[in-house]
Amino acid sequence: MTEDEALARAAGLGEAWRGRSAEVADAIAHARRLASAFPRPADEVAEPMPAFVVPAPKAAGR
């Protein structure tokens, strides 16, 4: 099994990739370009943005 076949199967294509190797190779190349297009943080566990906090419910005025 080639790497392209393994990636196609992992993407859920199963046997649908047969006869479409050019499209699968193009999709794989596009996914690799996208994966390298975004900068990686220096600290891998750091969040890219602050976490959202749900405000506490306001007490009913009695």
N, C-alpha and C. Protein backbone atom coordinates (compact mmCIF):
# COMPACT_ATOMS: atom_id res chain seq x y z
N MET A 1 0.85 -1.18 0.00
CA MET A 1 0.00 0.00 0.00
C MET A 1 0.90 1.24 0.00
N THR A 2 0.62 2.14 -0.91
CA THR A 2 1.42 3.37 -0.98
C THR A 2 0.93 4.37 0.06
N GLU A 3 1.71 5.42 0.25
CA GLU A 3 1.31 6.46 1.20
C GLU A 3 0.01 7.13 0.75
N ASP A 4 -0.12 7.37 -0.55
CA ASP A 4 -1.36 7.98 -1.06
C ASP A 4 -2.56 7.10 -0.79
N GLU A 5 -2.41 5.79 -0.98
CA GLU A 5 -3.51 4.86 -0.71
C GLU A 5 -3.88 4.88 0.77
N ALA A 6 -2.86 4.87 1.64
CA ALA A 6 -3.11 4.89 3.08
C ALA A 6 -3.81 6.17 3.49
N LEU A 7 -3.39 7.30 2.94
CA LEU A 7 -4.03 8.57 3.28
C LEU A 7 -5.47 8.62 2.75
N ALA A 8 -5.70 8.08 1.57
CA ALA A 8 -7.05 8.04 1.01
C ALA A 8 -7.96 7.18 1.88
N ARG A 9 -7.47 6.04 2.31
CA ARG A 9 -8.28 5.18 3.17
C ARG A 9 -8.52 5.84 4.53
N ALA A 10 -7.50 6.51 5.07
CA ALA A 10 -7.66 7.19 6.35
C ALA A 10 -8.70 8.31 6.25
N ALA A 11 -8.83 8.91 5.07
CA ALA A 11 -9.82 9.97 4.87
C ALA A 11 -11.21 9.41 4.63
N GLY A 12 -11.34 8.07 4.62
CA GLY A 12 -12.64 7.46 4.46
C GLY A 12 -13.03 7.20 3.02
N LEU A 13 -12.07 7.28 2.11
CA LEU A 13 -12.40 7.07 0.70
C LEU A 13 -12.52 5.60 0.34
N GLY A 14 -11.89 4.71 1.12
CA GLY A 14 -11.98 3.29 0.83
C GLY A 14 -11.56 2.98 -0.58
N GLU A 15 -12.40 2.33 -1.34
CA GLU A 15 -12.08 1.96 -2.71
C GLU A 15 -12.39 3.09 -3.69
N ALA A 16 -12.99 4.15 -3.24
CA ALA A 16 -13.35 5.24 -4.16
C ALA A 16 -12.14 5.95 -4.75
N TRP A 17 -10.96 5.78 -4.16
CA TRP A 17 -9.76 6.46 -4.67
C TRP A 17 -9.25 5.82 -5.94
N ARG A 18 -9.63 4.57 -6.21
CA ARG A 18 -9.13 3.86 -7.40
C ARG A 18 -9.57 4.60 -8.67
N GLY A 19 -8.65 4.81 -9.56
CA GLY A 19 -8.94 5.51 -10.81
C GLY A 19 -8.92 7.02 -10.67
N ARG A 20 -8.67 7.50 -9.49
CA ARG A 20 -8.64 8.94 -9.23
C ARG A 20 -7.35 9.32 -8.52
N SER A 21 -6.28 8.66 -8.86
CA SER A 21 -5.02 8.90 -8.15
C SER A 21 -4.52 10.33 -8.34
N ALA A 22 -4.79 10.94 -9.49
CA ALA A 22 -4.36 12.33 -9.70
C ALA A 22 -5.09 13.27 -8.76
N GLU A 23 -6.40 13.06 -8.60
CA GLU A 23 -7.17 13.93 -7.69
C GLU A 23 -6.74 13.72 -6.24
N VAL A 24 -6.49 12.47 -5.86
CA VAL A 24 -6.06 12.17 -4.49
C VAL A 24 -4.69 12.81 -4.24
N ALA A 25 -3.77 12.69 -5.19
CA ALA A 25 -2.44 13.29 -5.03
C ALA A 25 -2.54 14.80 -4.92
N ASP A 26 -3.43 15.42 -5.70
CA ASP A 26 -3.63 16.87 -5.63
C ASP A 26 -4.20 17.28 -4.28
N ALA A 27 -5.16 16.51 -3.77
CA ALA A 27 -5.75 16.81 -2.46
C ALA A 27 -4.72 16.67 -1.35
N ILE A 28 -3.88 15.65 -1.45
CA ILE A 28 -2.83 15.45 -0.44
C ILE A 28 -1.83 16.60 -0.48
N ALA A 29 -1.43 17.02 -1.67
CA ALA A 29 -0.50 18.14 -1.80
C ALA A 29 -1.11 19.42 -1.24
N HIS A 30 -2.39 19.63 -1.51
CA HIS A 30 -3.08 20.82 -1.00
C HIS A 30 -3.14 20.78 0.53
N ALA A 31 -3.46 19.63 1.10
CA ALA A 31 -3.52 19.51 2.56
C ALA A 31 -2.15 19.75 3.19
N ARG A 32 -1.10 19.29 2.54
CA ARG A 32 0.25 19.53 3.07
C ARG A 32 0.62 21.00 3.01
N ARG A 33 0.21 21.68 1.93
CA ARG A 33 0.48 23.12 1.83
C ARG A 33 -0.28 23.87 2.93
N LEU A 34 -1.53 23.50 3.17
CA LEU A 34 -2.30 24.15 4.22
C LEU A 34 -1.70 23.91 5.60
N ALA A 35 -1.25 22.69 5.83
CA ALA A 35 -0.68 22.35 7.14
C ALA A 35 0.58 23.16 7.43
N SER A 36 1.33 23.49 6.39
CA SER A 36 2.56 24.25 6.62
C SER A 36 2.35 25.75 6.48
N ALA A 37 1.13 26.18 6.16
CA ALA A 37 0.87 27.60 5.94
C ALA A 37 0.68 28.38 7.25
N PHE A 38 0.38 27.69 8.33
CA PHE A 38 0.12 28.37 9.59
C PHE A 38 1.31 28.22 10.52
N PRO A 39 1.70 29.31 11.17
CA PRO A 39 2.86 29.22 12.07
C PRO A 39 2.55 28.37 13.29
N ARG A 40 3.53 27.62 13.71
CA ARG A 40 3.39 26.79 14.90
C ARG A 40 3.84 27.60 16.12
N PRO A 41 3.13 27.49 17.26
CA PRO A 41 3.58 28.20 18.45
C PRO A 41 4.87 27.59 18.99
N ALA A 42 5.67 28.41 19.65
CA ALA A 42 6.92 27.91 20.23
C ALA A 42 6.63 26.89 21.31
N ASP A 43 5.59 27.13 22.10
CA ASP A 43 5.17 26.20 23.14
C ASP A 43 3.97 25.43 22.62
N GLU A 44 4.11 24.13 22.39
CA GLU A 44 3.05 23.36 21.77
C GLU A 44 1.79 23.24 22.62
N VAL A 45 1.90 23.44 23.93
CA VAL A 45 0.73 23.34 24.78
C VAL A 45 0.04 24.70 24.97
N ALA A 46 0.63 25.75 24.45
CA ALA A 46 0.03 27.08 24.58
C ALA A 46 -1.20 27.17 23.67
N GLU A 47 -2.23 27.82 24.16
CA GLU A 47 -3.42 28.01 23.35
C GLU A 47 -3.19 29.17 22.39
N PRO A 48 -3.73 29.08 21.17
CA PRO A 48 -3.52 30.15 20.21
C PRO A 48 -4.30 31.41 20.55
N MET A 49 -5.31 31.30 21.37
CA MET A 49 -6.09 32.46 21.79
C MET A 49 -6.59 32.21 23.21
N PRO A 50 -6.94 33.24 23.92
CA PRO A 50 -7.43 33.02 25.29
C PRO A 50 -8.71 32.18 25.27
N ALA A 51 -8.85 31.38 26.29
CA ALA A 51 -10.05 30.55 26.41
C ALA A 51 -11.26 31.43 26.68
N PHE A 52 -12.38 31.03 26.19
CA PHE A 52 -13.60 31.78 26.43
C PHE A 52 -14.17 31.40 27.79
N VAL A 53 -14.72 32.35 28.48
CA VAL A 53 -15.30 32.12 29.79
C VAL A 53 -16.77 32.47 29.74
N VAL A 54 -17.60 31.58 30.23
CA VAL A 54 -19.02 31.85 30.29
C VAL A 54 -19.28 32.68 31.54
N PRO A 55 -19.93 33.83 31.38
CA PRO A 55 -20.18 34.65 32.57
C PRO A 55 -21.14 33.94 33.53
N ALA A 56 -20.91 34.19 34.81
CA ALA A 56 -21.77 33.60 35.83
C ALA A 56 -23.16 34.23 35.73
N PRO A 57 -24.20 33.46 36.00
CA PRO A 57 -25.55 34.02 35.93
C PRO A 57 -25.75 35.10 36.99
N LYS A 58 -26.50 36.11 36.64
CA LYS A 58 -26.76 37.19 37.59
C LYS A 58 -27.81 36.74 38.60
N ALA A 59 -27.62 37.18 39.83
CA ALA A 59 -28.58 36.83 40.87
C ALA A 59 -29.88 37.61 40.63
N ALA A 60 -30.99 36.94 40.90
CA ALA A 60 -32.30 37.60 40.72
C ALA A 60 -32.47 38.65 41.80
N GLY A 61 -32.85 39.86 41.39
CA GLY A 61 -33.04 40.96 42.36
C GLY A 61 -34.35 40.80 43.10
N ARG A 62 -34.27 40.55 44.38
CA ARG A 62 -35.49 40.38 45.20
C ARG A 62 -35.61 41.48 46.17
